[in-house]
Amino acid sequence: MKLTPDSLATHLANRLLPAYVISGDEPLLAGEAADAVRARARAAGFGEREVHFIERAADWGDVRASAANLSLFGARRVLEIRLPTGKPGTAGNEALVALLGASDPDMLLLILTPRLDRDAQNAAWVRAAEARGAWVQVWPVDPQRLIAWLRVRAARLGLEASDAALELLAARTEGNLLAAQQELAKLALLAPTGHITPETVMAAVADSARFDVFQLGDAVLAGDSARALRVLAGLRAEGTEPTLVLWALSRALREVWTARASGGRAPSWQRQSAALTKALRRAPRLSFAALAARATRADRTIKGRLPGDAWDELALLVAEMCCQPALAPPALPSARAS
């Protein structure tokens, strides 16, 4: 059968199969899935665990020999096999098919492998694993689901995080769930009340910075281009991630757009009311489409999808948000070209 990391917990609460394959390139989720299987196996009396790291074809002989030997004192055991790729070769395929076909109630087979491509998914050993056990496919959390994922993880730690805080944390940790989990654990220690704000996130990652991205947002909303560019230069000198800077600028741009669309009323949580009032006076002169295009270009430059200096793009975005455009935003390449 096929399972997902989310359905694995429910499955293990009801039954334990003789074999599990966990495949995927997301270390945190794959590791958690493997831990869940090991914990359930221990609860079922599998007190021993043997781990085999497959580095060459000859290692399969050791795996076969280990599977054939009786466990010490006849204890039930987990035989864990870690594959460097999803293609174990001819010898590995034969060995795994034989192991999966064996009927040994005292042995549970756990196979850990990177993501399996289409060819690997059709291998005989994978089909045998699906027939006798379960295959848990682990997929990365895409950016559209990352904030929801962070919210669930925060709740497990007893944290109540604002949308803005989760958005900031997502911007910092996109593509690295292990780092995201570590940041949440750090926030749980730094916020004894359990309430997480963007300021809490910033304090956790840069509590000694002379400038912070919130100061940049305030300066941009106020239209103070000289101060905004000075803060931007300070953030760059202090090693601030450009992703954080873009997050702050995008947030300020959304605040102006939202306030303008609501007839000039700031959101109830808006703390920069004076700065936002100044931004609303400039709003008729702002081209939100051009600013969004500039922000998109900066994002692609940060991620290496477009050539150029990300900090230059951020500086242009700052100037244009303060109604002091320096250059017209270049046309973005088509999706096929990027």
Protein backbone atom coordinates (compact mmCIF):
# COMPACT_ATOMS: atom_id res chain seq x y z
CA MET A 1 0.00 0.00 0.00
CA LYS A 2 0.99 3.63 -0.40
CA LEU A 3 1.00 6.05 2.52
CA THR A 4 1.87 9.69 3.13
CA PRO A 5 3.63 11.09 6.22
CA ASP A 6 0.24 12.47 7.35
CA SER A 7 -1.57 9.12 7.02
CA LEU A 8 1.28 7.09 8.53
CA ALA A 9 0.39 7.91 12.15
CA THR A 10 -3.20 6.71 11.74
CA HIS A 11 -2.00 3.59 9.96
CA LEU A 12 0.52 2.70 12.68
CA ALA A 13 -2.09 3.20 15.39
CA ASN A 14 -4.10 0.37 13.83
CA ARG A 15 -1.53 -2.08 12.47
CA LEU A 16 2.14 -2.81 11.83
CA LEU A 17 3.17 -4.33 8.50
CA PRO A 18 6.25 -6.54 7.92
CA ALA A 19 8.01 -3.96 5.72
CA TYR A 20 8.16 -0.20 5.14
CA VAL A 21 9.87 1.82 2.42
CA ILE A 22 10.35 5.53 3.14
CA SER A 23 11.50 7.55 0.13
CA GLY A 24 12.02 11.28 -0.33
CA ASP A 25 14.49 14.14 -0.25
CA GLU A 26 13.01 16.07 2.68
CA PRO A 27 15.21 15.00 5.66
CA LEU A 28 12.90 16.21 8.44
CA LEU A 29 9.73 14.49 7.20
CA ALA A 30 11.55 11.32 6.15
CA GLY A 31 13.31 11.14 9.51
CA GLU A 32 10.07 11.64 11.41
CA ALA A 33 8.36 8.91 9.38
CA ALA A 34 11.21 6.49 10.10
CA ASP A 35 11.11 7.38 13.81
CA ALA A 36 7.37 6.67 13.89
CA VAL A 37 7.89 3.20 12.39
CA ARG A 38 10.73 2.43 14.81
CA ALA A 39 8.67 3.57 17.81
CA ARG A 40 5.71 1.43 16.77
CA ALA A 41 8.03 -1.54 16.21
CA ARG A 42 9.52 -1.17 19.70
CA ALA A 43 6.05 -1.06 21.18
CA ALA A 44 5.29 -4.31 19.32
CA GLY A 45 8.31 -6.05 20.84
CA PHE A 46 10.96 -5.51 18.17
CA GLY A 47 13.74 -4.86 20.67
CA GLU A 48 16.78 -5.12 18.37
CA ARG A 49 17.77 -2.96 15.41
CA GLU A 50 20.42 -3.62 12.76
CA VAL A 51 21.39 -0.87 10.33
CA HIS A 52 23.09 -1.49 6.99
CA PHE A 53 24.52 1.35 4.89
CA ILE A 54 24.79 0.11 1.31
CA GLU A 55 27.92 1.48 -0.36
CA ARG A 56 28.85 -1.28 -2.81
CA ALA A 57 27.33 -4.42 -4.31
CA ALA A 58 29.24 -6.68 -1.92
CA ASP A 59 27.31 -5.17 1.02
CA TRP A 60 24.22 -7.12 -0.03
CA GLY A 61 25.93 -10.33 1.02
CA ASP A 62 26.19 -8.97 4.56
CA VAL A 63 22.51 -8.03 4.49
CA ARG A 64 21.49 -11.53 3.40
CA ALA A 65 23.70 -13.11 6.05
CA SER A 66 22.32 -10.86 8.75
CA ALA A 67 18.74 -11.67 7.77
CA ALA A 68 19.50 -15.40 7.84
CA ASN A 69 21.06 -15.33 11.33
CA LEU A 70 18.88 -15.76 14.37
CA SER A 71 18.59 -12.68 16.58
CA LEU A 72 20.43 -12.70 19.88
CA PHE A 73 18.27 -14.55 22.46
CA GLY A 74 15.63 -14.93 19.74
CA ALA A 75 14.52 -11.29 20.07
CA ARG A 76 12.41 -9.64 17.40
CA ARG A 77 14.39 -7.11 15.37
CA VAL A 78 14.20 -4.31 12.84
CA LEU A 79 16.45 -4.75 9.81
CA GLU A 80 17.10 -1.22 8.51
CA ILE A 81 18.63 -0.71 5.07
CA ARG A 82 19.77 2.72 3.92
CA LEU A 83 20.22 3.15 0.18
CA PRO A 84 22.33 5.99 -1.26
CA THR A 85 20.10 6.07 -4.37
CA GLY A 86 16.78 4.63 -5.37
CA LYS A 87 18.47 2.14 -7.69
CA PRO A 88 20.18 -0.65 -5.71
CA GLY A 89 21.37 -2.47 -8.83
CA THR A 90 20.81 -6.07 -9.85
CA ALA A 91 22.26 -7.58 -6.69
CA GLY A 92 20.31 -5.19 -4.49
CA ASN A 93 17.06 -5.74 -6.34
CA GLU A 94 17.37 -9.51 -5.96
CA ALA A 95 18.32 -9.27 -2.29
CA LEU A 96 15.44 -6.94 -1.45
CA VAL A 97 12.89 -9.07 -3.32
CA ALA A 98 14.11 -12.12 -1.38
CA LEU A 99 13.92 -10.29 1.96
CA LEU A 100 10.46 -8.95 1.21
CA GLY A 101 9.29 -12.41 0.20
CA ALA A 102 10.52 -14.04 3.41
CA SER A 103 7.93 -14.87 6.07
CA ASP A 104 9.75 -14.09 9.29
CA PRO A 105 7.38 -12.73 11.94
CA ASP A 106 10.37 -11.76 14.10
CA MET A 107 11.87 -9.37 11.52
CA LEU A 108 10.57 -6.01 10.31
CA LEU A 109 12.22 -4.55 7.22
CA LEU A 110 12.70 -0.76 7.05
CA ILE A 111 14.18 0.64 3.82
CA LEU A 112 15.22 4.30 3.59
CA THR A 113 15.97 5.80 0.20
CA PRO A 114 16.03 9.17 -1.59
CA ARG A 115 13.19 10.06 -3.94
CA LEU A 116 12.37 7.29 -6.40
CA ASP A 117 12.09 8.34 -10.03
CA ARG A 118 9.63 6.77 -12.44
CA ASP A 119 11.96 3.92 -13.42
CA ALA A 120 12.84 3.12 -9.80
CA GLN A 121 9.15 3.07 -8.82
CA ASN A 122 8.58 0.22 -11.29
CA ALA A 123 11.44 -1.90 -9.92
CA ALA A 124 10.58 -5.38 -8.69
CA TRP A 125 11.64 -4.64 -5.11
CA VAL A 126 9.35 -1.59 -4.90
CA ARG A 127 6.40 -3.59 -6.19
CA ALA A 128 7.20 -6.31 -3.66
CA ALA A 129 7.34 -3.72 -0.87
CA GLU A 130 3.93 -2.34 -1.84
CA ALA A 131 2.47 -5.86 -1.93
CA ARG A 132 3.78 -7.00 1.46
CA GLY A 133 4.20 -3.72 3.31
CA ALA A 134 3.83 0.01 2.81
CA TRP A 135 5.60 2.65 0.78
CA VAL A 136 5.68 6.12 2.35
CA GLN A 137 6.43 8.80 -0.22
CA VAL A 138 7.76 12.01 1.29
CA TRP A 139 7.37 15.18 -0.75
CA PRO A 140 8.70 18.66 0.06
CA VAL A 141 6.21 21.21 1.40
CA ASP A 142 5.65 23.69 -1.42
CA PRO A 143 5.66 27.44 -0.68
CA GLN A 144 1.86 27.65 -0.97
CA ARG A 145 1.44 25.19 1.91
CA LEU A 146 4.42 26.22 4.02
CA ILE A 147 2.59 28.76 6.22
CA ALA A 148 -0.17 26.25 7.01
CA TRP A 149 2.51 23.65 7.80
CA LEU A 150 4.27 26.10 10.13
CA ARG A 151 0.97 26.93 11.87
CA VAL A 152 0.33 23.25 12.63
CA ARG A 153 3.88 22.75 13.91
CA ALA A 154 3.68 25.88 16.04
CA ALA A 155 0.43 24.68 17.61
CA ARG A 156 2.09 21.39 18.56
CA LEU A 157 4.66 23.42 20.51
CA GLY A 158 1.95 25.45 22.22
CA LEU A 159 2.66 28.55 20.14
CA GLU A 160 0.09 30.98 18.78
CA ALA A 161 1.73 32.77 15.86
CA SER A 162 0.30 35.69 13.91
CA ASP A 163 -0.04 35.41 10.14
CA ALA A 164 2.70 38.02 9.68
CA ALA A 165 5.07 36.08 11.96
CA LEU A 166 4.46 32.86 10.06
CA GLU A 167 4.97 34.65 6.75
CA LEU A 168 8.30 36.01 7.95
CA LEU A 169 9.39 32.61 9.22
CA ALA A 170 8.36 31.02 5.93
CA ALA A 171 10.43 33.58 4.01
CA ARG A 172 13.47 32.68 6.12
CA THR A 173 13.15 28.91 5.92
CA GLU A 174 11.55 28.10 2.57
CA GLY A 175 13.02 24.87 1.25
CA ASN A 176 14.50 23.83 4.59
CA LEU A 177 11.92 22.28 6.89
CA LEU A 178 14.58 21.18 9.35
CA ALA A 179 15.62 24.81 9.84
CA ALA A 180 11.95 25.80 10.18
CA GLN A 181 11.41 23.24 12.93
CA GLN A 182 14.56 24.40 14.72
CA GLU A 183 13.42 28.03 14.56
CA LEU A 184 10.04 27.10 16.02
CA ALA A 185 11.74 25.24 18.87
CA LYS A 186 13.87 28.34 19.51
CA LEU A 187 10.79 30.56 19.51
CA ALA A 188 9.11 28.27 22.05
CA LEU A 189 11.98 29.03 24.42
CA LEU A 190 12.01 32.78 23.72
CA ALA A 191 8.26 33.31 24.06
CA PRO A 192 7.07 31.86 27.39
CA THR A 193 3.57 33.26 26.79
CA GLY A 194 3.36 31.32 23.56
CA HIS A 195 2.39 34.34 21.45
CA ILE A 196 4.63 34.87 18.42
CA THR A 197 4.78 38.15 16.48
CA PRO A 198 7.08 39.24 13.64
CA GLU A 199 9.14 41.12 16.24
CA THR A 200 9.59 37.85 18.16
CA VAL A 201 10.84 36.14 15.01
CA MET A 202 13.27 38.95 14.30
CA ALA A 203 14.53 38.92 17.90
CA ALA A 204 15.22 35.21 17.58
CA VAL A 205 17.31 35.55 14.44
CA ALA A 206 19.01 38.93 14.77
CA ASP A 207 18.65 40.34 18.25
CA SER A 208 21.92 42.29 18.04
CA ALA A 209 21.34 43.99 14.71
CA ARG A 210 21.64 47.77 14.65
CA PHE A 211 19.05 47.94 11.87
CA ASP A 212 16.08 45.68 11.34
CA VAL A 213 13.64 45.16 8.51
CA PHE A 214 10.80 46.78 10.44
CA GLN A 215 12.71 50.08 10.45
CA LEU A 216 13.05 49.70 6.70
CA GLY A 217 9.30 49.17 6.34
CA ASP A 218 8.55 52.25 8.45
CA ALA A 219 10.92 54.41 6.39
CA VAL A 220 9.47 53.23 3.09
CA LEU A 221 5.90 53.85 4.24
CA ALA A 222 6.87 57.34 5.36
CA GLY A 223 8.45 57.99 1.97
CA ASP A 224 11.81 58.86 3.59
CA SER A 225 14.02 57.57 0.78
CA ALA A 226 17.28 58.78 2.34
CA ARG A 227 16.65 56.93 5.60
CA ALA A 228 15.24 53.88 3.83
CA LEU A 229 18.33 53.51 1.63
CA ARG A 230 20.58 54.07 4.66
CA VAL A 231 18.78 51.32 6.58
CA LEU A 232 18.97 49.07 3.52
CA ALA A 233 22.74 49.61 3.32
CA GLY A 234 23.03 48.85 7.03
CA LEU A 235 21.07 45.63 6.68
CA ARG A 236 23.31 44.54 3.83
CA ALA A 237 26.47 45.34 5.83
CA GLU A 238 25.18 43.34 8.80
CA GLY A 239 24.60 40.28 6.65
CA THR A 240 20.80 40.33 6.72
CA GLU A 241 19.28 37.86 4.30
CA PRO A 242 17.84 39.66 1.25
CA THR A 243 14.79 37.40 1.55
CA LEU A 244 13.92 39.12 4.83
CA VAL A 245 14.33 42.55 3.27
CA LEU A 246 12.04 41.67 0.38
CA TRP A 247 9.49 40.29 2.83
CA ALA A 248 9.42 43.61 4.72
CA LEU A 249 9.08 45.65 1.53
CA SER A 250 6.34 43.39 0.15
CA ARG A 251 4.52 43.63 3.46
CA ALA A 252 4.67 47.45 3.38
CA LEU A 253 3.39 47.45 -0.20
CA ARG A 254 0.45 45.22 0.77
CA GLU A 255 -0.37 47.50 3.71
CA VAL A 256 -0.67 50.49 1.40
CA TRP A 257 -2.74 48.54 -1.11
CA THR A 258 -5.07 47.15 1.58
CA ALA A 259 -5.54 50.53 3.26
CA ARG A 260 -6.24 52.23 -0.05
CA ALA A 261 -8.75 49.54 -1.08
CA SER A 262 -10.56 49.91 2.26
CA GLY A 263 -10.99 53.65 1.82
CA GLY A 264 -7.89 54.72 3.73
CA ARG A 265 -8.57 52.68 6.87
CA ALA A 266 -5.54 50.94 8.32
CA PRO A 267 -5.86 47.40 9.64
CA SER A 268 -6.53 47.20 13.37
CA TRP A 269 -3.07 45.75 14.01
CA GLN A 270 -1.30 48.47 12.02
CA ARG A 271 1.31 50.10 14.22
CA GLN A 272 2.84 52.51 11.70
CA SER A 273 -0.34 54.60 11.36
CA ALA A 274 1.49 57.89 10.82
CA ALA A 275 3.81 56.36 8.22
CA LEU A 276 0.88 54.66 6.50
CA THR A 277 -1.01 57.94 6.34
CA LYS A 278 1.94 59.44 4.45
CA ALA A 279 2.01 56.41 2.14
CA LEU A 280 -1.68 56.82 1.36
CA ARG A 281 -1.04 60.41 0.26
CA ARG A 282 1.49 59.06 -2.26
CA ALA A 283 -0.71 56.14 -3.33
CA PRO A 284 -2.21 57.90 -6.41
CA ARG A 285 1.35 58.34 -7.73
CA LEU A 286 2.31 54.71 -7.12
CA SER A 287 2.09 52.14 -9.90
CA PHE A 288 1.29 49.03 -7.93
CA ALA A 289 1.67 46.84 -11.02
CA ALA A 290 5.18 48.19 -11.66
CA LEU A 291 6.10 47.79 -7.99
CA ALA A 292 4.85 44.21 -7.97
CA ALA A 293 6.90 43.52 -11.10
CA ARG A 294 9.99 44.99 -9.42
CA ALA A 295 9.40 42.87 -6.31
CA THR A 296 8.97 39.75 -8.46
CA ARG A 297 12.22 40.50 -10.27
CA ALA A 298 14.01 40.96 -6.94
CA ASP A 299 12.62 37.62 -5.73
CA ARG A 300 13.85 35.81 -8.83
CA THR A 301 17.25 37.46 -8.55
CA ILE A 302 17.56 36.39 -4.91
CA LYS A 303 16.76 32.80 -5.90
CA GLY A 304 19.28 32.84 -8.75
CA ARG A 305 16.64 32.54 -11.44
CA LEU A 306 17.64 35.88 -12.97
CA PRO A 307 21.12 37.42 -13.31
CA GLY A 308 22.01 40.55 -11.40
CA ASP A 309 22.54 41.84 -7.87
CA ALA A 310 19.57 41.29 -5.60
CA TRP A 311 20.52 44.26 -3.42
CA ASP A 312 20.44 46.56 -6.44
CA GLU A 313 16.92 45.38 -7.20
CA LEU A 314 15.92 45.96 -3.58
CA ALA A 315 17.37 49.47 -3.66
CA LEU A 316 15.37 50.25 -6.82
CA LEU A 317 12.23 48.90 -5.15
CA VAL A 318 12.85 51.11 -2.10
CA ALA A 319 13.31 54.20 -4.26
CA GLU A 320 10.20 53.52 -6.32
CA MET A 321 8.05 52.88 -3.25
CA CYS A 322 9.17 56.30 -1.99
CA CYS A 323 8.06 57.79 -5.37
CA GLN A 324 11.62 58.40 -6.51
CA PRO A 325 11.96 55.94 -9.40
CA ALA A 326 15.47 55.50 -10.70
CA LEU A 327 14.90 53.12 -13.60
CA ALA A 328 11.90 51.64 -15.32
CA PRO A 329 11.41 48.05 -14.19
CA PRO A 330 12.72 45.75 -16.91
CA ALA A 331 10.30 43.32 -18.46
CA LEU A 332 10.33 39.92 -16.78
CA PRO A 333 11.24 36.97 -19.00
CA SER A 334 8.51 34.52 -19.79
CA ALA A 335 7.98 31.51 -17.55
CA ARG A 336 9.59 29.32 -20.21
CA ALA A 337 12.69 31.50 -20.33
CA SER A 338 13.07 31.61 -16.51
